[in-house]
PDBML (XML) file of the C-alpha atoms, coordinates in Angstrom:
<?xml version="1.0" encoding="UTF-8" ?>
<PDBx:datablock datablockName="MODEL"
   xmlns:PDBx="http://pdbml.pdb.org/schema/pdbx-v50.xsd"
   xmlns:xsi="http://www.w3.org/2001/XMLSchema-instance"
   xsi:schemaLocation="http://pdbml.pdb.org/schema/pdbx-v50.xsd pdbx-v50.xsd">
   <PDBx:atom_siteCategory>
      <PDBx:atom_site id="1">
         <PDBx:B_iso_or_equiv>0.00</PDBx:B_iso_or_equiv>
         <PDBx:Cartn_x>15.844</PDBx:Cartn_x>
         <PDBx:Cartn_y>25.039</PDBx:Cartn_y>
         <PDBx:Cartn_z>17.589</PDBx:Cartn_z>
         <PDBx:auth_asym_id>A</PDBx:auth_asym_id>
         <PDBx:auth_atom_id>CA</PDBx:auth_atom_id>
         <PDBx:auth_comp_id>UNK</PDBx:auth_comp_id>
         <PDBx:auth_seq_id>1</PDBx:auth_seq_id>
         <PDBx:group_PDB>ATOM</PDBx:group_PDB>
         <PDBx:label_alt_id xsi:nil="true" />
         <PDBx:label_asym_id>A</PDBx:label_asym_id>
         <PDBx:label_atom_id>CA</PDBx:label_atom_id>
         <PDBx:label_comp_id>UNK</PDBx:label_comp_id>
         <PDBx:label_entity_id>1</PDBx:label_entity_id>
         <PDBx:label_seq_id>1</PDBx:label_seq_id>
         <PDBx:occupancy>1.00</PDBx:occupancy>
         <PDBx:pdbx_PDB_model_num>1</PDBx:pdbx_PDB_model_num>
         <PDBx:type_symbol>C</PDBx:type_symbol>
      </PDBx:atom_site>
      <PDBx:atom_site id="2">
         <PDBx:B_iso_or_equiv>0.00</PDBx:B_iso_or_equiv>
         <PDBx:Cartn_x>14.535</PDBx:Cartn_x>
         <PDBx:Cartn_y>21.335</PDBx:Cartn_y>
         <PDBx:Cartn_z>16.717</PDBx:Cartn_z>
         <PDBx:auth_asym_id>A</PDBx:auth_asym_id>
         <PDBx:auth_atom_id>CA</PDBx:auth_atom_id>
         <PDBx:auth_comp_id>UNK</PDBx:auth_comp_id>
         <PDBx:auth_seq_id>2</PDBx:auth_seq_id>
         <PDBx:group_PDB>ATOM</PDBx:group_PDB>
         <PDBx:label_alt_id xsi:nil="true" />
         <PDBx:label_asym_id>A</PDBx:label_asym_id>
         <PDBx:label_atom_id>CA</PDBx:label_atom_id>
         <PDBx:label_comp_id>UNK</PDBx:label_comp_id>
         <PDBx:label_entity_id>1</PDBx:label_entity_id>
         <PDBx:label_seq_id>2</PDBx:label_seq_id>
         <PDBx:occupancy>1.00</PDBx:occupancy>
         <PDBx:pdbx_PDB_model_num>1</PDBx:pdbx_PDB_model_num>
         <PDBx:type_symbol>C</PDBx:type_symbol>
      </PDBx:atom_site>
      <PDBx:atom_site id="3">
         <PDBx:B_iso_or_equiv>0.00</PDBx:B_iso_or_equiv>
         <PDBx:Cartn_x>11.109</PDBx:Cartn_x>
         <PDBx:Cartn_y>20.237</PDBx:Cartn_y>
         <PDBx:Cartn_z>16.430</PDBx:Cartn_z>
         <PDBx:auth_asym_id>A</PDBx:auth_asym_id>
         <PDBx:auth_atom_id>CA</PDBx:auth_atom_id>
         <PDBx:auth_comp_id>UNK</PDBx:auth_comp_id>
         <PDBx:auth_seq_id>3</PDBx:auth_seq_id>
         <PDBx:group_PDB>ATOM</PDBx:group_PDB>
         <PDBx:label_alt_id xsi:nil="true" />
         <PDBx:label_asym_id>A</PDBx:label_asym_id>
         <PDBx:label_atom_id>CA</PDBx:label_atom_id>
         <PDBx:label_comp_id>UNK</PDBx:label_comp_id>
         <PDBx:label_entity_id>1</PDBx:label_entity_id>
         <PDBx:label_seq_id>3</PDBx:label_seq_id>
         <PDBx:occupancy>1.00</PDBx:occupancy>
         <PDBx:pdbx_PDB_model_num>1</PDBx:pdbx_PDB_model_num>
         <PDBx:type_symbol>C</PDBx:type_symbol>
      </PDBx:atom_site>
      <PDBx:atom_site id="4">
         <PDBx:B_iso_or_equiv>0.00</PDBx:B_iso_or_equiv>
         <PDBx:Cartn_x>9.984</PDBx:Cartn_x>
         <PDBx:Cartn_y>16.743</PDBx:Cartn_y>
         <PDBx:Cartn_z>15.984</PDBx:Cartn_z>
         <PDBx:auth_asym_id>A</PDBx:auth_asym_id>
         <PDBx:auth_atom_id>CA</PDBx:auth_atom_id>
         <PDBx:auth_comp_id>UNK</PDBx:auth_comp_id>
         <PDBx:auth_seq_id>4</PDBx:auth_seq_id>
         <PDBx:group_PDB>ATOM</PDBx:group_PDB>
         <PDBx:label_alt_id xsi:nil="true" />
         <PDBx:label_asym_id>A</PDBx:label_asym_id>
         <PDBx:label_atom_id>CA</PDBx:label_atom_id>
         <PDBx:label_comp_id>UNK</PDBx:label_comp_id>
         <PDBx:label_entity_id>1</PDBx:label_entity_id>
         <PDBx:label_seq_id>4</PDBx:label_seq_id>
         <PDBx:occupancy>1.00</PDBx:occupancy>
         <PDBx:pdbx_PDB_model_num>1</PDBx:pdbx_PDB_model_num>
         <PDBx:type_symbol>C</PDBx:type_symbol>
      </PDBx:atom_site>
      <PDBx:atom_site id="5">
         <PDBx:B_iso_or_equiv>0.00</PDBx:B_iso_or_equiv>
         <PDBx:Cartn_x>6.146</PDBx:Cartn_x>
         <PDBx:Cartn_y>16.132</PDBx:Cartn_y>
         <PDBx:Cartn_z>15.496</PDBx:Cartn_z>
         <PDBx:auth_asym_id>A</PDBx:auth_asym_id>
         <PDBx:auth_atom_id>CA</PDBx:auth_atom_id>
         <PDBx:auth_comp_id>UNK</PDBx:auth_comp_id>
         <PDBx:auth_seq_id>5</PDBx:auth_seq_id>
         <PDBx:group_PDB>ATOM</PDBx:group_PDB>
         <PDBx:label_alt_id xsi:nil="true" />
         <PDBx:label_asym_id>A</PDBx:label_asym_id>
         <PDBx:label_atom_id>CA</PDBx:label_atom_id>
         <PDBx:label_comp_id>UNK</PDBx:label_comp_id>
         <PDBx:label_entity_id>1</PDBx:label_entity_id>
         <PDBx:label_seq_id>5</PDBx:label_seq_id>
         <PDBx:occupancy>1.00</PDBx:occupancy>
         <PDBx:pdbx_PDB_model_num>1</PDBx:pdbx_PDB_model_num>
         <PDBx:type_symbol>C</PDBx:type_symbol>
      </PDBx:atom_site>
      <PDBx:atom_site id="6">
         <PDBx:B_iso_or_equiv>0.00</PDBx:B_iso_or_equiv>
         <PDBx:Cartn_x>3.940</PDBx:Cartn_x>
         <PDBx:Cartn_y>14.891</PDBx:Cartn_y>
         <PDBx:Cartn_z>18.081</PDBx:Cartn_z>
         <PDBx:auth_asym_id>A</PDBx:auth_asym_id>
         <PDBx:auth_atom_id>CA</PDBx:auth_atom_id>
         <PDBx:auth_comp_id>UNK</PDBx:auth_comp_id>
         <PDBx:auth_seq_id>6</PDBx:auth_seq_id>
         <PDBx:group_PDB>ATOM</PDBx:group_PDB>
         <PDBx:label_alt_id xsi:nil="true" />
         <PDBx:label_asym_id>A</PDBx:label_asym_id>
         <PDBx:label_atom_id>CA</PDBx:label_atom_id>
         <PDBx:label_comp_id>UNK</PDBx:label_comp_id>
         <PDBx:label_entity_id>1</PDBx:label_entity_id>
         <PDBx:label_seq_id>6</PDBx:label_seq_id>
         <PDBx:occupancy>1.00</PDBx:occupancy>
         <PDBx:pdbx_PDB_model_num>1</PDBx:pdbx_PDB_model_num>
         <PDBx:type_symbol>C</PDBx:type_symbol>
      </PDBx:atom_site>
      <PDBx:atom_site id="7">
         <PDBx:B_iso_or_equiv>0.00</PDBx:B_iso_or_equiv>
         <PDBx:Cartn_x>1.727</PDBx:Cartn_x>
         <PDBx:Cartn_y>12.551</PDBx:Cartn_y>
         <PDBx:Cartn_z>16.193</PDBx:Cartn_z>
         <PDBx:auth_asym_id>A</PDBx:auth_asym_id>
         <PDBx:auth_atom_id>CA</PDBx:auth_atom_id>
         <PDBx:auth_comp_id>UNK</PDBx:auth_comp_id>
         <PDBx:auth_seq_id>7</PDBx:auth_seq_id>
         <PDBx:group_PDB>ATOM</PDBx:group_PDB>
         <PDBx:label_alt_id xsi:nil="true" />
         <PDBx:label_asym_id>A</PDBx:label_asym_id>
         <PDBx:label_atom_id>CA</PDBx:label_atom_id>
         <PDBx:label_comp_id>UNK</PDBx:label_comp_id>
         <PDBx:label_entity_id>1</PDBx:label_entity_id>
         <PDBx:label_seq_id>7</PDBx:label_seq_id>
         <PDBx:occupancy>1.00</PDBx:occupancy>
         <PDBx:pdbx_PDB_model_num>1</PDBx:pdbx_PDB_model_num>
         <PDBx:type_symbol>C</PDBx:type_symbol>
      </PDBx:atom_site>
      <PDBx:atom_site id="8">
         <PDBx:B_iso_or_equiv>0.00</PDBx:B_iso_or_equiv>
         <PDBx:Cartn_x>-1.733</PDBx:Cartn_x>
         <PDBx:Cartn_y>14.594</PDBx:Cartn_y>
         <PDBx:Cartn_z>15.927</PDBx:Cartn_z>
         <PDBx:auth_asym_id>A</PDBx:auth_asym_id>
         <PDBx:auth_atom_id>CA</PDBx:auth_atom_id>
         <PDBx:auth_comp_id>UNK</PDBx:auth_comp_id>
         <PDBx:auth_seq_id>8</PDBx:auth_seq_id>
         <PDBx:group_PDB>ATOM</PDBx:group_PDB>
         <PDBx:label_alt_id xsi:nil="true" />
         <PDBx:label_asym_id>A</PDBx:label_asym_id>
         <PDBx:label_atom_id>CA</PDBx:label_atom_id>
         <PDBx:label_comp_id>UNK</PDBx:label_comp_id>
         <PDBx:label_entity_id>1</PDBx:label_entity_id>
         <PDBx:label_seq_id>8</PDBx:label_seq_id>
         <PDBx:occupancy>1.00</PDBx:occupancy>
         <PDBx:pdbx_PDB_model_num>1</PDBx:pdbx_PDB_model_num>
         <PDBx:type_symbol>C</PDBx:type_symbol>
      </PDBx:atom_site>
      <PDBx:atom_site id="9">
         <PDBx:B_iso_or_equiv>0.00</PDBx:B_iso_or_equiv>
         <PDBx:Cartn_x>-1.851</PDBx:Cartn_x>
         <PDBx:Cartn_y>14.882</PDBx:Cartn_y>
         <PDBx:Cartn_z>12.539</PDBx:Cartn_z>
         <PDBx:auth_asym_id>A</PDBx:auth_asym_id>
         <PDBx:auth_atom_id>CA</PDBx:auth_atom_id>
         <PDBx:auth_comp_id>UNK</PDBx:auth_comp_id>
         <PDBx:auth_seq_id>9</PDBx:auth_seq_id>
         <PDBx:group_PDB>ATOM</PDBx:group_PDB>
         <PDBx:label_alt_id xsi:nil="true" />
         <PDBx:label_asym_id>A</PDBx:label_asym_id>
         <PDBx:label_atom_id>CA</PDBx:label_atom_id>
         <PDBx:label_comp_id>UNK</PDBx:label_comp_id>
         <PDBx:label_entity_id>1</PDBx:label_entity_id>
         <PDBx:label_seq_id>9</PDBx:label_seq_id>
         <PDBx:occupancy>1.00</PDBx:occupancy>
         <PDBx:pdbx_PDB_model_num>1</PDBx:pdbx_PDB_model_num>
         <PDBx:type_symbol>C</PDBx:type_symbol>
      </PDBx:atom_site>
      <PDBx:atom_site id="10">
         <PDBx:B_iso_or_equiv>0.00</PDBx:B_iso_or_equiv>
         <PDBx:Cartn_x>-5.470</PDBx:Cartn_x>
         <PDBx:Cartn_y>16.579</PDBx:Cartn_y>
         <PDBx:Cartn_z>10.736</PDBx:Cartn_z>
         <PDBx:auth_asym_id>A</PDBx:auth_asym_id>
         <PDBx:auth_atom_id>CA</PDBx:auth_atom_id>
         <PDBx:auth_comp_id>UNK</PDBx:auth_comp_id>
         <PDBx:auth_seq_id>10</PDBx:auth_seq_id>
         <PDBx:group_PDB>ATOM</PDBx:group_PDB>
         <PDBx:label_alt_id xsi:nil="true" />
         <PDBx:label_asym_id>A</PDBx:label_asym_id>
         <PDBx:label_atom_id>CA</PDBx:label_atom_id>
         <PDBx:label_comp_id>UNK</PDBx:label_comp_id>
         <PDBx:label_entity_id>1</PDBx:label_entity_id>
         <PDBx:label_seq_id>10</PDBx:label_seq_id>
         <PDBx:occupancy>1.00</PDBx:occupancy>
         <PDBx:pdbx_PDB_model_num>1</PDBx:pdbx_PDB_model_num>
         <PDBx:type_symbol>C</PDBx:type_symbol>
      </PDBx:atom_site>
      <PDBx:atom_site id="11">
         <PDBx:B_iso_or_equiv>0.00</PDBx:B_iso_or_equiv>
         <PDBx:Cartn_x>-6.615</PDBx:Cartn_x>
         <PDBx:Cartn_y>15.593</PDBx:Cartn_y>
         <PDBx:Cartn_z>7.821</PDBx:Cartn_z>
         <PDBx:auth_asym_id>A</PDBx:auth_asym_id>
         <PDBx:auth_atom_id>CA</PDBx:auth_atom_id>
         <PDBx:auth_comp_id>UNK</PDBx:auth_comp_id>
         <PDBx:auth_seq_id>11</PDBx:auth_seq_id>
         <PDBx:group_PDB>ATOM</PDBx:group_PDB>
         <PDBx:label_alt_id xsi:nil="true" />
         <PDBx:label_asym_id>A</PDBx:label_asym_id>
         <PDBx:label_atom_id>CA</PDBx:label_atom_id>
         <PDBx:label_comp_id>UNK</PDBx:label_comp_id>
         <PDBx:label_entity_id>1</PDBx:label_entity_id>
         <PDBx:label_seq_id>11</PDBx:label_seq_id>
         <PDBx:occupancy>1.00</PDBx:occupancy>
         <PDBx:pdbx_PDB_model_num>1</PDBx:pdbx_PDB_model_num>
         <PDBx:type_symbol>C</PDBx:type_symbol>
      </PDBx:atom_site>
      <PDBx:atom_site id="12">
         <PDBx:B_iso_or_equiv>0.00</PDBx:B_iso_or_equiv>
         <PDBx:Cartn_x>-9.299</PDBx:Cartn_x>
         <PDBx:Cartn_y>17.362</PDBx:Cartn_y>
         <PDBx:Cartn_z>4.775</PDBx:Cartn_z>
         <PDBx:auth_asym_id>A</PDBx:auth_asym_id>
         <PDBx:auth_atom_id>CA</PDBx:auth_atom_id>
         <PDBx:auth_comp_id>UNK</PDBx:auth_comp_id>
         <PDBx:auth_seq_id>12</PDBx:auth_seq_id>
         <PDBx:group_PDB>ATOM</PDBx:group_PDB>
         <PDBx:label_alt_id xsi:nil="true" />
         <PDBx:label_asym_id>A</PDBx:label_asym_id>
         <PDBx:label_atom_id>CA</PDBx:label_atom_id>
         <PDBx:label_comp_id>UNK</PDBx:label_comp_id>
         <PDBx:label_entity_id>1</PDBx:label_entity_id>
         <PDBx:label_seq_id>12</PDBx:label_seq_id>
         <PDBx:occupancy>1.00</PDBx:occupancy>
         <PDBx:pdbx_PDB_model_num>1</PDBx:pdbx_PDB_model_num>
         <PDBx:type_symbol>C</PDBx:type_symbol>
      </PDBx:atom_site>
      <PDBx:atom_site id="13">
         <PDBx:B_iso_or_equiv>0.00</PDBx:B_iso_or_equiv>
         <PDBx:Cartn_x>-11.975</PDBx:Cartn_x>
         <PDBx:Cartn_y>14.986</PDBx:Cartn_y>
         <PDBx:Cartn_z>3.781</PDBx:Cartn_z>
         <PDBx:auth_asym_id>A</PDBx:auth_asym_id>
         <PDBx:auth_atom_id>CA</PDBx:auth_atom_id>
         <PDBx:auth_comp_id>UNK</PDBx:auth_comp_id>
         <PDBx:auth_seq_id>13</PDBx:auth_seq_id>
         <PDBx:group_PDB>ATOM</PDBx:group_PDB>
         <PDBx:label_alt_id xsi:nil="true" />
         <PDBx:label_asym_id>A</PDBx:label_asym_id>
         <PDBx:label_atom_id>CA</PDBx:label_atom_id>
         <PDBx:label_comp_id>UNK</PDBx:label_comp_id>
         <PDBx:label_entity_id>1</PDBx:label_entity_id>
         <PDBx:label_seq_id>13</PDBx:label_seq_id>
         <PDBx:occupancy>1.00</PDBx:occupancy>
         <PDBx:pdbx_PDB_model_num>1</PDBx:pdbx_PDB_model_num>
         <PDBx:type_symbol>C</PDBx:type_symbol>
      </PDBx:atom_site>
      <PDBx:atom_site id="14">
         <PDBx:B_iso_or_equiv>0.00</PDBx:B_iso_or_equiv>
         <PDBx:Cartn_x>-9.953</PDBx:Cartn_x>
         <PDBx:Cartn_y>15.012</PDBx:Cartn_y>
         <PDBx:Cartn_z>-0.005</PDBx:Cartn_z>
         <PDBx:auth_asym_id>A</PDBx:auth_asym_id>
         <PDBx:auth_atom_id>CA</PDBx:auth_atom_id>
         <PDBx:auth_comp_id>UNK</PDBx:auth_comp_id>
         <PDBx:auth_seq_id>14</PDBx:auth_seq_id>
         <PDBx:group_PDB>ATOM</PDBx:group_PDB>
         <PDBx:label_alt_id xsi:nil="true" />
         <PDBx:label_asym_id>A</PDBx:label_asym_id>
         <PDBx:label_atom_id>CA</PDBx:label_atom_id>
         <PDBx:label_comp_id>UNK</PDBx:label_comp_id>
         <PDBx:label_entity_id>1</PDBx:label_entity_id>
         <PDBx:label_seq_id>14</PDBx:label_seq_id>
         <PDBx:occupancy>1.00</PDBx:occupancy>
         <PDBx:pdbx_PDB_model_num>1</PDBx:pdbx_PDB_model_num>
         <PDBx:type_symbol>C</PDBx:type_symbol>
      </PDBx:atom_site>
      <PDBx:atom_site id="15">
         <PDBx:B_iso_or_equiv>0.00</PDBx:B_iso_or_equiv>
         <PDBx:Cartn_x>-6.219</PDBx:Cartn_x>
         <PDBx:Cartn_y>14.507</PDBx:Cartn_y>
         <PDBx:Cartn_z>1.499</PDBx:Cartn_z>
         <PDBx:auth_asym_id>A</PDBx:auth_asym_id>
         <PDBx:auth_atom_id>CA</PDBx:auth_atom_id>
         <PDBx:auth_comp_id>UNK</PDBx:auth_comp_id>
         <PDBx:auth_seq_id>15</PDBx:auth_seq_id>
         <PDBx:group_PDB>ATOM</PDBx:group_PDB>
         <PDBx:label_alt_id xsi:nil="true" />
         <PDBx:label_asym_id>A</PDBx:label_asym_id>
         <PDBx:label_atom_id>CA</PDBx:label_atom_id>
         <PDBx:label_comp_id>UNK</PDBx:label_comp_id>
         <PDBx:label_entity_id>1</PDBx:label_entity_id>
         <PDBx:label_seq_id>15</PDBx:label_seq_id>
         <PDBx:occupancy>1.00</PDBx:occupancy>
         <PDBx:pdbx_PDB_model_num>1</PDBx:pdbx_PDB_model_num>
         <PDBx:type_symbol>C</PDBx:type_symbol>
      </PDBx:atom_site>
      <PDBx:atom_site id="16">
         <PDBx:B_iso_or_equiv>0.00</PDBx:B_iso_or_equiv>
         <PDBx:Cartn_x>-7.712</PDBx:Cartn_x>
         <PDBx:Cartn_y>11.180</PDBx:Cartn_y>
         <PDBx:Cartn_z>3.200</PDBx:Cartn_z>
         <PDBx:auth_asym_id>A</PDBx:auth_asym_id>
         <PDBx:auth_atom_id>CA</PDBx:auth_atom_id>
         <PDBx:auth_comp_id>UNK</PDBx:auth_comp_id>
         <PDBx:auth_seq_id>16</PDBx:auth_seq_id>
         <PDBx:group_PDB>ATOM</PDBx:group_PDB>
         <PDBx:label_alt_id xsi:nil="true" />
         <PDBx:label_asym_id>A</PDBx:label_asym_id>
         <PDBx:label_atom_id>CA</PDBx:label_atom_id>
         <PDBx:label_comp_id>UNK</PDBx:label_comp_id>
         <PDBx:label_entity_id>1</PDBx:label_entity_id>
         <PDBx:label_seq_id>16</PDBx:label_seq_id>
         <PDBx:occupancy>1.00</PDBx:occupancy>
         <PDBx:pdbx_PDB_model_num>1</PDBx:pdbx_PDB_model_num>
         <PDBx:type_symbol>C</PDBx:type_symbol>
      </PDBx:atom_site>
      <PDBx:atom_site id="17">
         <PDBx:B_iso_or_equiv>0.00</PDBx:B_iso_or_equiv>
         <PDBx:Cartn_x>-9.146</PDBx:Cartn_x>
         <PDBx:Cartn_y>9.974</PDBx:Cartn_y>
         <PDBx:Cartn_z>0.402</PDBx:Cartn_z>
         <PDBx:auth_asym_id>A</PDBx:auth_asym_id>
         <PDBx:auth_atom_id>CA</PDBx:auth_atom_id>
         <PDBx:auth_comp_id>UNK</PDBx:auth_comp_id>
         <PDBx:auth_seq_id>17</PDBx:auth_seq_id>
         <PDBx:group_PDB>ATOM</PDBx:group_PDB>
         <PDBx:label_alt_id xsi:nil="true" />
         <PDBx:label_asym_id>A</PDBx:label_asym_id>
         <PDBx:label_atom_id>CA</PDBx:label_atom_id>
         <PDBx:label_comp_id>UNK</PDBx:label_comp_id>
         <PDBx:label_entity_id>1</PDBx:label_entity_id>
         <PDBx:label_seq_id>17</PDBx:label_seq_id>
         <PDBx:occupancy>1.00</PDBx:occupancy>
         <PDBx:pdbx_PDB_model_num>1</PDBx:pdbx_PDB_model_num>
         <PDBx:type_symbol>C</PDBx:type_symbol>
      </PDBx:atom_site>
      <PDBx:atom_site id="18">
         <PDBx:B_iso_or_equiv>0.00</PDBx:B_iso_or_equiv>
         <PDBx:Cartn_x>-5.734</PDBx:Cartn_x>
         <PDBx:Cartn_y>11.220</PDBx:Cartn_y>
         <PDBx:Cartn_z>-1.932</PDBx:Cartn_z>
         <PDBx:auth_asym_id>A</PDBx:auth_asym_id>
         <PDBx:auth_atom_id>CA</PDBx:auth_atom_id>
         <PDBx:auth_comp_id>UNK</PDBx:auth_comp_id>
         <PDBx:auth_seq_id>18</PDBx:auth_seq_id>
         <PDBx:group_PDB>ATOM</PDBx:group_PDB>
         <PDBx:label_alt_id xsi:nil="true" />
         <PDBx:label_asym_id>A</PDBx:label_asym_id>
         <PDBx:label_atom_id>CA</PDBx:label_atom_id>
         <PDBx:label_comp_id>UNK</PDBx:label_comp_id>
         <PDBx:label_entity_id>1</PDBx:label_entity_id>
         <PDBx:label_seq_id>18</PDBx:label_seq_id>
         <PDBx:occupancy>1.00</PDBx:occupancy>
         <PDBx:pdbx_PDB_model_num>1</PDBx:pdbx_PDB_model_num>
         <PDBx:type_symbol>C</PDBx:type_symbol>
      </PDBx:atom_site>
      <PDBx:atom_site id="19">
         <PDBx:B_iso_or_equiv>0.00</PDBx:B_iso_or_equiv>
         <PDBx:Cartn_x>-3.975</PDBx:Cartn_x>
         <PDBx:Cartn_y>8.463</PDBx:Cartn_y>
         <PDBx:Cartn_z>0.772</PDBx:Cartn_z>
         <PDBx:auth_asym_id>A</PDBx:auth_asym_id>
         <PDBx:auth_atom_id>CA</PDBx:auth_atom_id>
         <PDBx:auth_comp_id>UNK</PDBx:auth_comp_id>
         <PDBx:auth_seq_id>19</PDBx:auth_seq_id>
         <PDBx:group_PDB>ATOM</PDBx:group_PDB>
         <PDBx:label_alt_id xsi:nil="true" />
         <PDBx:label_asym_id>A</PDBx:label_asym_id>
         <PDBx:label_atom_id>CA</PDBx:label_atom_id>
         <PDBx:label_comp_id>UNK</PDBx:label_comp_id>
         <PDBx:label_entity_id>1</PDBx:label_entity_id>
         <PDBx:label_seq_id>19</PDBx:label_seq_id>
         <PDBx:occupancy>1.00</PDBx:occupancy>
         <PDBx:pdbx_PDB_model_num>1</PDBx:pdbx_PDB_model_num>
         <PDBx:type_symbol>C</PDBx:type_symbol>
      </PDBx:atom_site>
      <PDBx:atom_site id="20">
         <PDBx:B_iso_or_equiv>0.00</PDBx:B_iso_or_equiv>
         <PDBx:Cartn_x>-5.710</PDBx:Cartn_x>
         <PDBx:Cartn_y>5.515</PDBx:Cartn_y>
         <PDBx:Cartn_z>0.861</PDBx:Cartn_z>
         <PDBx:auth_asym_id>A</PDBx:auth_asym_id>
         <PDBx:auth_atom_id>CA</PDBx:auth_atom_id>
         <PDBx:auth_comp_id>UNK</PDBx:auth_comp_id>
         <PDBx:auth_seq_id>20</PDBx:auth_seq_id>
         <PDBx:group_PDB>ATOM</PDBx:group_PDB>
         <PDBx:label_alt_id xsi:nil="true" />
         <PDBx:label_asym_id>A</PDBx:label_asym_id>
         <PDBx:label_atom_id>CA</PDBx:label_atom_id>
         <PDBx:label_comp_id>UNK</PDBx:label_comp_id>
         <PDBx:label_entity_id>1</PDBx:label_entity_id>
         <PDBx:label_seq_id>20</PDBx:label_seq_id>
         <PDBx:occupancy>1.00</PDBx:occupancy>
         <PDBx:pdbx_PDB_model_num>1</PDBx:pdbx_PDB_model_num>
         <PDBx:type_symbol>C</PDBx:type_symbol>
      </PDBx:atom_site>
      <PDBx:atom_site id="21">
         <PDBx:B_iso_or_equiv>0.00</PDBx:B_iso_or_equiv>
         <PDBx:Cartn_x>-5.873</PDBx:Cartn_x>
         <PDBx:Cartn_y>6.005</PDBx:Cartn_y>
         <PDBx:Cartn_z>-3.035</PDBx:Cartn_z>
         <PDBx:auth_asym_id>A</PDBx:auth_asym_id>
         <PDBx:auth_atom_id>CA</PDBx:auth_atom_id>
         <PDBx:auth_comp_id>UNK</PDBx:auth_comp_id>
         <PDBx:auth_seq_id>21</PDBx:auth_seq_id>
         <PDBx:group_PDB>ATOM</PDBx:group_PDB>
         <PDBx:label_alt_id xsi:nil="true" />
         <PDBx:label_asym_id>A</PDBx:label_asym_id>
         <PDBx:label_atom_id>CA</PDBx:label_atom_id>
         <PDBx:label_comp_id>UNK</PDBx:label_comp_id>
         <PDBx:label_entity_id>1</PDBx:label_entity_id>
         <PDBx:label_seq_id>21</PDBx:label_seq_id>
         <PDBx:occupancy>1.00</PDBx:occupancy>
         <PDBx:pdbx_PDB_model_num>1</PDBx:pdbx_PDB_model_num>
         <PDBx:type_symbol>C</PDBx:type_symbol>
      </PDBx:atom_site>
      <PDBx:atom_site id="22">
         <PDBx:B_iso_or_equiv>0.00</PDBx:B_iso_or_equiv>
         <PDBx:Cartn_x>-2.038</PDBx:Cartn_x>
         <PDBx:Cartn_y>6.513</PDBx:Cartn_y>
         <PDBx:Cartn_z>-3.539</PDBx:Cartn_z>
         <PDBx:auth_asym_id>A</PDBx:auth_asym_id>
         <PDBx:auth_atom_id>CA</PDBx:auth_atom_id>
         <PDBx:auth_comp_id>UNK</PDBx:auth_comp_id>
         <PDBx:auth_seq_id>22</PDBx:auth_seq_id>
         <PDBx:group_PDB>ATOM</PDBx:group_PDB>
         <PDBx:label_alt_id xsi:nil="true" />
         <PDBx:label_asym_id>A</PDBx:label_asym_id>
         <PDBx:label_atom_id>CA</PDBx:label_atom_id>
         <PDBx:label_comp_id>UNK</PDBx:label_comp_id>
         <PDBx:label_entity_id>1</PDBx:label_entity_id>
         <PDBx:label_seq_id>22</PDBx:label_seq_id>
         <PDBx:occupancy>1.00</PDBx:occupancy>
         <PDBx:pdbx_PDB_model_num>1</PDBx:pdbx_PDB_model_num>
         <PDBx:type_symbol>C</PDBx:type_symbol>
      </PDBx:atom_site>
      <PDBx:atom_site id="23">
         <PDBx:B_iso_or_equiv>0.00</PDBx:B_iso_or_equiv>
         <PDBx:Cartn_x>0.971</PDBx:Cartn_x>
         <PDBx:Cartn_y>4.510</PDBx:Cartn_y>
         <PDBx:Cartn_z>-3.052</PDBx:Cartn_z>
         <PDBx:auth_asym_id>A</PDBx:auth_asym_id>
         <PDBx:auth_atom_id>CA</PDBx:auth_atom_id>
         <PDBx:auth_comp_id>UNK</PDBx:auth_comp_id>
         <PDBx:auth_seq_id>23</PDBx:auth_seq_id>
         <PDBx:group_PDB>ATOM</PDBx:group_PDB>
         <PDBx:label_alt_id xsi:nil="true" />
         <PDBx:label_asym_id>A</PDBx:label_asym_id>
         <PDBx:label_atom_id>CA</PDBx:label_atom_id>
         <PDBx:label_comp_id>UNK</PDBx:label_comp_id>
         <PDBx:label_entity_id>1</PDBx:label_entity_id>
         <PDBx:label_seq_id>23</PDBx:label_seq_id>
         <PDBx:occupancy>1.00</PDBx:occupancy>
         <PDBx:pdbx_PDB_model_num>1</PDBx:pdbx_PDB_model_num>
         <PDBx:type_symbol>C</PDBx:type_symbol>
      </PDBx:atom_site>
      <PDBx:atom_site id="24">
         <PDBx:B_iso_or_equiv>0.00</PDBx:B_iso_or_equiv>
         <PDBx:Cartn_x>4.181</PDBx:Cartn_x>
         <PDBx:Cartn_y>5.340</PDBx:Cartn_y>
         <PDBx:Cartn_z>-0.618</PDBx:Cartn_z>
         <PDBx:auth_asym_id>A</PDBx:auth_asym_id>
         <PDBx:auth_atom_id>CA</PDBx:auth_atom_id>
         <PDBx:auth_comp_id>UNK</PDBx:auth_comp_id>
         <PDBx:auth_seq_id>24</PDBx:auth_seq_id>
         <PDBx:group_PDB>ATOM</PDBx:group_PDB>
         <PDBx:label_alt_id xsi:nil="true" />
         <PDBx:label_asym_id>A</PDBx:label_asym_id>
         <PDBx:label_atom_id>CA</PDBx:label_atom_id>
         <PDBx:label_comp_id>UNK</PDBx:label_comp_id>
         <PDBx:label_entity_id>1</PDBx:label_entity_id>
         <PDBx:label_seq_id>24</PDBx:label_seq_id>
         <PDBx:occupancy>1.00</PDBx:occupancy>
         <PDBx:pdbx_PDB_model_num>1</PDBx:pdbx_PDB_model_num>
         <PDBx:type_symbol>C</PDBx:type_symbol>
      </PDBx:atom_site>
      <PDBx:atom_site id="25">
         <PDBx:B_iso_or_equiv>0.00</PDBx:B_iso_or_equiv>
         <PDBx:Cartn_x>6.729</PDBx:Cartn_x>
         <PDBx:Cartn_y>7.519</PDBx:Cartn_y>
         <PDBx:Cartn_z>-2.736</PDBx:Cartn_z>
         <PDBx:auth_asym_id>A</PDBx:auth_asym_id>
         <PDBx:auth_atom_id>CA</PDBx:auth_atom_id>
         <PDBx:auth_comp_id>UNK</PDBx:auth_comp_id>
         <PDBx:auth_seq_id>25</PDBx:auth_seq_id>
         <PDBx:group_PDB>ATOM</PDBx:group_PDB>
         <PDBx:label_alt_id xsi:nil="true" />
         <PDBx:label_asym_id>A</PDBx:label_asym_id>
         <PDBx:label_atom_id>CA</PDBx:label_atom_id>
         <PDBx:label_comp_id>UNK</PDBx:label_comp_id>
         <PDBx:label_entity_id>1</PDBx:label_entity_id>
         <PDBx:label_seq_id>25</PDBx:label_seq_id>
         <PDBx:occupancy>1.00</PDBx:occupancy>
         <PDBx:pdbx_PDB_model_num>1</PDBx:pdbx_PDB_model_num>
         <PDBx:type_symbol>C</PDBx:type_symbol>
      </PDBx:atom_site>
   </PDBx:atom_siteCategory>
</PDBx:datablock>
């Protein structure tokens, strides 16, 4: 079965801060 992401994403506060301070891999 194939699955696709719907685009509703949840973040912990720590992940949002990490996302802001990291570069795309």
